[in-house]
Structure formats: C-alpha cells, structure tokens
C-alpha atoms as a PDB file:
ATOM      1  CA  MET A   1      -1.940  12.269 -13.319  1.00  0.00           C
ATOM      2  CA  ASN A   2       1.758  12.857 -12.638  1.00  0.00           C
ATOM      3  CA  MET A   3       3.565   9.521 -12.880  1.00  0.00           C
ATOM      4  CA  LYS A   4       7.096  10.859 -12.531  1.00  0.00           C
ATOM      5  CA  PRO A   5       7.541  10.446  -8.751  1.00  0.00           C
ATOM      6  CA  LEU A   6       6.305   6.846  -8.808  1.00  0.00           C
ATOM      7  CA  GLU A   7       8.428   6.006 -11.849  1.00  0.00           C
ATOM      8  CA  ASP A   8      11.423   7.588 -10.139  1.00  0.00           C
ATOM      9  CA  LEU A   9      10.766   5.537  -7.012  1.00  0.00           C
ATOM     10  CA  ALA A  10      10.503   2.315  -9.044  1.00  0.00           C
ATOM     11  CA  GLN A  11      13.780   3.125 -10.790  1.00  0.00           C
ATOM     12  CA  ARG A  12      15.494   3.872  -7.491  1.00  0.00           C
ATOM     13  CA  LEU A  13      14.281   0.545  -6.094  1.00  0.00           C
ATOM     14  CA  ARG A  14      15.535  -1.278  -9.218  1.00  0.00           C
ATOM     15  CA  GLN A  15      18.962   0.308  -8.724  1.00  0.00           C
ATOM     16  CA  PHE A  16      18.947  -0.468  -5.004  1.00  0.00           C
ATOM     17  CA  ALA A  17      18.184  -4.154  -5.659  1.00  0.00           C
ATOM     18  CA  ALA A  18      20.667  -4.399  -8.546  1.00  0.00           C
ATOM     19  CA  ALA A  19      23.513  -2.928  -6.492  1.00  0.00           C
ATOM     20  CA  ARG A  20      22.970  -5.646  -3.891  1.00  0.00           C
ATOM     21  CA  GLU A  21      22.228  -8.434  -6.377  1.00  0.00           C
ATOM     22  CA  TRP A  22      18.828  -8.873  -4.754  1.00  0.00           C
ATOM     23  CA  ASP A  23      16.780  -8.968  -7.943  1.00  0.00           C
ATOM     24  CA  GLN A  24      17.094 -12.759  -7.862  1.00  0.00           C
ATOM     25  CA  PHE A  25      15.050 -12.731  -4.650  1.00  0.00           C
ATOM     26  CA  HIS A  26      12.423 -10.274  -5.849  1.00  0.00           C
ATOM     27  CA  SER A  27       9.973 -12.643  -7.491  1.00  0.00           C
ATOM     28  CA  PRO A  28       6.355 -11.478  -7.416  1.00  0.00           C
ATOM     29  CA  LYS A  29       5.607 -14.223  -4.867  1.00  0.00           C
ATOM     30  CA  ASN A  30       8.407 -13.109  -2.545  1.00  0.00           C
ATOM     31  CA  LEU A  31       7.511  -9.448  -2.915  1.00  0.00           C
ATOM     32  CA  ALA A  32       3.846 -10.158  -2.151  1.00  0.00           C
ATOM     33  CA  MET A  33       4.842 -12.145   0.930  1.00  0.00           C
ATOM     34  CA  ALA A  34       7.150  -9.363   2.109  1.00  0.00           C
ATOM     35  CA  LEU A  35       4.373  -6.841   1.495  1.00  0.00           C
ATOM     36  CA  VAL A  36       1.976  -8.834   3.686  1.00  0.00           C
ATOM     37  CA  ALA A  37       4.607  -9.103   6.414  1.00  0.00           C
ATOM     38  CA  GLU A  38       5.195  -5.354   6.367  1.00  0.00           C
ATOM     39  CA  ALA A  39       1.443  -4.680   6.377  1.00  0.00           C
ATOM     40  CA  GLY A  40       1.278  -6.887   9.465  1.00  0.00           C
ATOM     41  CA  GLU A  41       3.994  -4.827  11.122  1.00  0.00           C
ATOM     42  CA  LEU A  42       2.013  -1.688  10.310  1.00  0.00           C
ATOM     43  CA  ALA A  43      -1.151  -3.223  11.758  1.00  0.00           C
ATOM     44  CA  ALA A  44       0.767  -4.220  14.888  1.00  0.00           C
ATOM     45  CA  GLU A  45       1.440  -0.535  15.586  1.00  0.00           C
ATOM     46  CA  PHE A  46      -2.320  -0.038  16.001  1.00  0.00           C
ATOM     47  CA  GLN A  47      -3.261  -3.389  17.507  1.00  0.00           C
ATOM     48  CA  TRP A  48      -3.985  -2.396  21.090  1.00  0.00           C
ATOM     49  CA  LEU A  49      -4.707   1.296  20.643  1.00  0.00           C
ATOM     50  CA  THR A  50      -8.124   2.751  21.257  1.00  0.00           C
ATOM     51  CA  GLU A  51      -9.861   4.396  18.305  1.00  0.00           C
ATOM     52  CA  ALA A  52      -9.017   7.811  19.737  1.00  0.00           C
ATOM     53  CA  ARG A  53      -5.372   6.930  20.371  1.00  0.00           C
ATOM     54  CA  SER A  54      -5.023   5.517  16.850  1.00  0.00           C
ATOM     55  CA  CYS A  55      -6.045   8.935  15.492  1.00  0.00           C
ATOM     56  CA  ALA A  56      -3.416  10.754  17.541  1.00  0.00           C
ATOM     57  CA  PRO A  57      -0.273   8.639  17.949  1.00  0.00           C
ATOM     58  CA  ASP A  58       2.607  10.150  19.864  1.00  0.00           C
ATOM     59  CA  ALA A  59       5.758  11.168  17.982  1.00  0.00           C
ATOM     60  CA  GLU A  60       7.520   7.850  18.578  1.00  0.00           C
ATOM     61  CA  GLN A  61       4.528   5.818  17.416  1.00  0.00           C
ATOM     62  CA  LEU A  62       4.051   8.054  14.392  1.00  0.00           C
ATOM     63  CA  ALA A  63       7.700   7.540  13.403  1.00  0.00           C
ATOM     64  CA  ARG A  64       7.196   3.750  13.513  1.00  0.00           C
ATOM     65  CA  ILE A  65       3.912   4.010  11.585  1.00  0.00           C
ATOM     66  CA  ARG A  66       5.620   6.172   8.985  1.00  0.00           C
ATOM     67  CA  ALA A  67       8.486   3.682   8.583  1.00  0.00           C
ATOM     68  CA  GLU A  68       6.161   0.684   8.288  1.00  0.00           C
ATOM     69  CA  SER A  69       3.938   2.552   5.814  1.00  0.00           C
ATOM     70  CA  ALA A  70       7.013   3.283   3.707  1.00  0.00           C
ATOM     71  CA  ASP A  71       7.975  -0.406   3.748  1.00  0.00           C
ATOM     72  CA  VAL A  72       4.493  -1.330   2.491  1.00  0.00           C
ATOM     73  CA  LEU A  73       4.689   1.276  -0.265  1.00  0.00           C
ATOM     74  CA  LEU A  74       8.170   0.214  -1.362  1.00  0.00           C
ATOM     75  CA  TYR A  75       7.236  -3.456  -1.686  1.00  0.00           C
ATOM     76  CA  LEU A  76       4.041  -2.549  -3.533  1.00  0.00           C
ATOM     77  CA  VAL A  77       5.922  -0.323  -5.982  1.00  0.00           C
ATOM     78  CA  ARG A  78       8.538  -3.021  -6.496  1.00  0.00           C
ATOM     79  CA  LEU A  79       5.838  -5.639  -7.115  1.00  0.00           C
ATOM     80  CA  SER A  80       4.032  -3.498  -9.687  1.00  0.00           C
ATOM     81  CA  ASP A  81       7.347  -2.730 -11.380  1.00  0.00           C
ATOM     82  CA  LYS A  82       8.322  -6.406 -11.566  1.00  0.00           C
ATOM     83  CA  LEU A  83       4.931  -7.303 -13.067  1.00  0.00           C
ATOM     84  CA  GLY A  84       4.948  -4.312 -15.395  1.00  0.00           C
ATOM     85  CA  PHE A  85       1.720  -2.612 -14.458  1.00  0.00           C
ATOM     86  CA  ASP A  86       0.992   1.020 -13.755  1.00  0.00           C
ATOM     87  CA  LEU A  87       0.147   1.153 -10.070  1.00  0.00           C
ATOM     88  CA  LEU A  88      -1.471   4.584 -10.211  1.00  0.00           C
ATOM     89  CA  ALA A  89      -3.618   3.582 -13.177  1.00  0.00           C
ATOM     90  CA  ALA A  90      -4.640   0.432 -11.298  1.00  0.00           C
ATOM     91  CA  ALA A  91      -5.577   2.536  -8.258  1.00  0.00           C
ATOM     92  CA  ASP A  92      -7.554   4.957 -10.433  1.00  0.00           C
ATOM     93  CA  ALA A  93      -9.419   2.068 -12.085  1.00  0.00           C
ATOM     94  CA  LYS A  94     -10.166   0.576  -8.658  1.00  0.00           C
ATOM     95  CA  ILE A  95     -11.602   3.873  -7.405  1.00  0.00           C
ATOM     96  CA  GLU A  96     -13.840   4.026 -10.484  1.00  0.00           C
ATOM     97  CA  GLU A  97     -14.966   0.439  -9.856  1.00  0.00           C
ATOM     98  CA  ASN A  98     -15.708   1.256  -6.215  1.00  0.00           C
ATOM     99  CA  GLU A  99     -17.702   4.321  -7.274  1.00  0.00           C
ATOM    100  CA  ARG A 100     -19.914   1.992  -9.346  1.00  0.00           C
ATOM    101  CA  ARG A 101     -20.144  -0.648  -6.604  1.00  0.00           C
ATOM    102  CA  TYR A 102     -20.801   1.832  -3.826  1.00  0.00           C
ATOM    103  CA  PRO A 103     -23.004   4.641  -5.164  1.00  0.00           C
ATOM    104  CA  ALA A 104     -22.923   7.432  -2.585  1.00  0.00           C
ATOM    105  CA  ASP A 105     -26.694   7.829  -2.538  1.00  0.00           C
ATOM    106  CA  LYS A 106     -27.125   4.153  -1.575  1.00  0.00           C
ATOM    107  CA  VAL A 107     -24.280   3.559   0.870  1.00  0.00           C
ATOM    108  CA  ARG A 108     -23.747   6.904   2.589  1.00  0.00           C
ATOM    109  CA  GLY A 109     -23.081   6.291   6.276  1.00  0.00           C
ATOM    110  CA  SER A 110     -23.124   2.498   5.929  1.00  0.00           C
ATOM    111  CA  SER A 111     -20.227   0.058   6.262  1.00  0.00           C
ATOM    112  CA  ARG A 112     -22.073  -2.783   4.548  1.00  0.00           C
ATOM    113  CA  LYS A 113     -20.455  -4.554   1.594  1.00  0.00           C
ATOM    114  CA  TYR A 114     -21.810  -3.653  -1.838  1.00  0.00           C
ATOM    115  CA  THR A 115     -23.474  -7.059  -2.124  1.00  0.00           C
ATOM    116  CA  GLU A 116     -25.572  -6.311   0.971  1.00  0.00           C
ATOM    117  CA  TYR A 117     -27.519  -3.251  -0.163  1.00  0.00           C
END
C-alpha cells in the first residue's frame, strides 16, 4: 500500500496549522467535532434529493459535494495524525474485520446488520 500521498497530506496539514498557530485548537476532541460538522454539511447536500438525483448531481452540486468531501477527509487525516495512527492501515484492518463479520455467501443482497443473520 502506498502511504506517501497520505503522509504528504498530513505533513501539509501540519504546516498549514503551524503557519496559522492553529495547532493549539486541533485537539482530538475538536477535530472529531469539526469532522462531524463537515460530515453533516456533506449529508445536507443529499438531504432532499431522490435516489436517482443523488447518483447524478449537477455540476454545481457535485462541486459542493467535492468540497465537503475534502473537508471530511482533511479533518480525518488531521485527527489520525494528531493521534499517531496509520489511517490507511486502520481502514485496511476494518475491511478485513467487515469481511469476517459479513461473509459474502451469507449476506449477499441483504442490508441486515451482521448480528441479524
């Protein structure tokens, strides 16, 4: 797995915060709260769309979705950097866990939680 782009992004965010003396505000609690707020802004872009419309946003909507998605990613990268964990390794481990919890032969085509099958 190529970590370089994510490491570069974390470093760029560290420099961005340092240049503005914002590191003092970037506690894990504050970053998590900001992440939730940005995820809410992303969700708001889809709130009243039909399923079909959500799959094909117009250019203006897509630009807003892209910007909000970037905000979510940036706060998540900053949070993982502040807490010192490898975000990609955590994601890989979570996928492996989900593969065990949701075996394809048992859950294919079902949206039920793993505790329900």
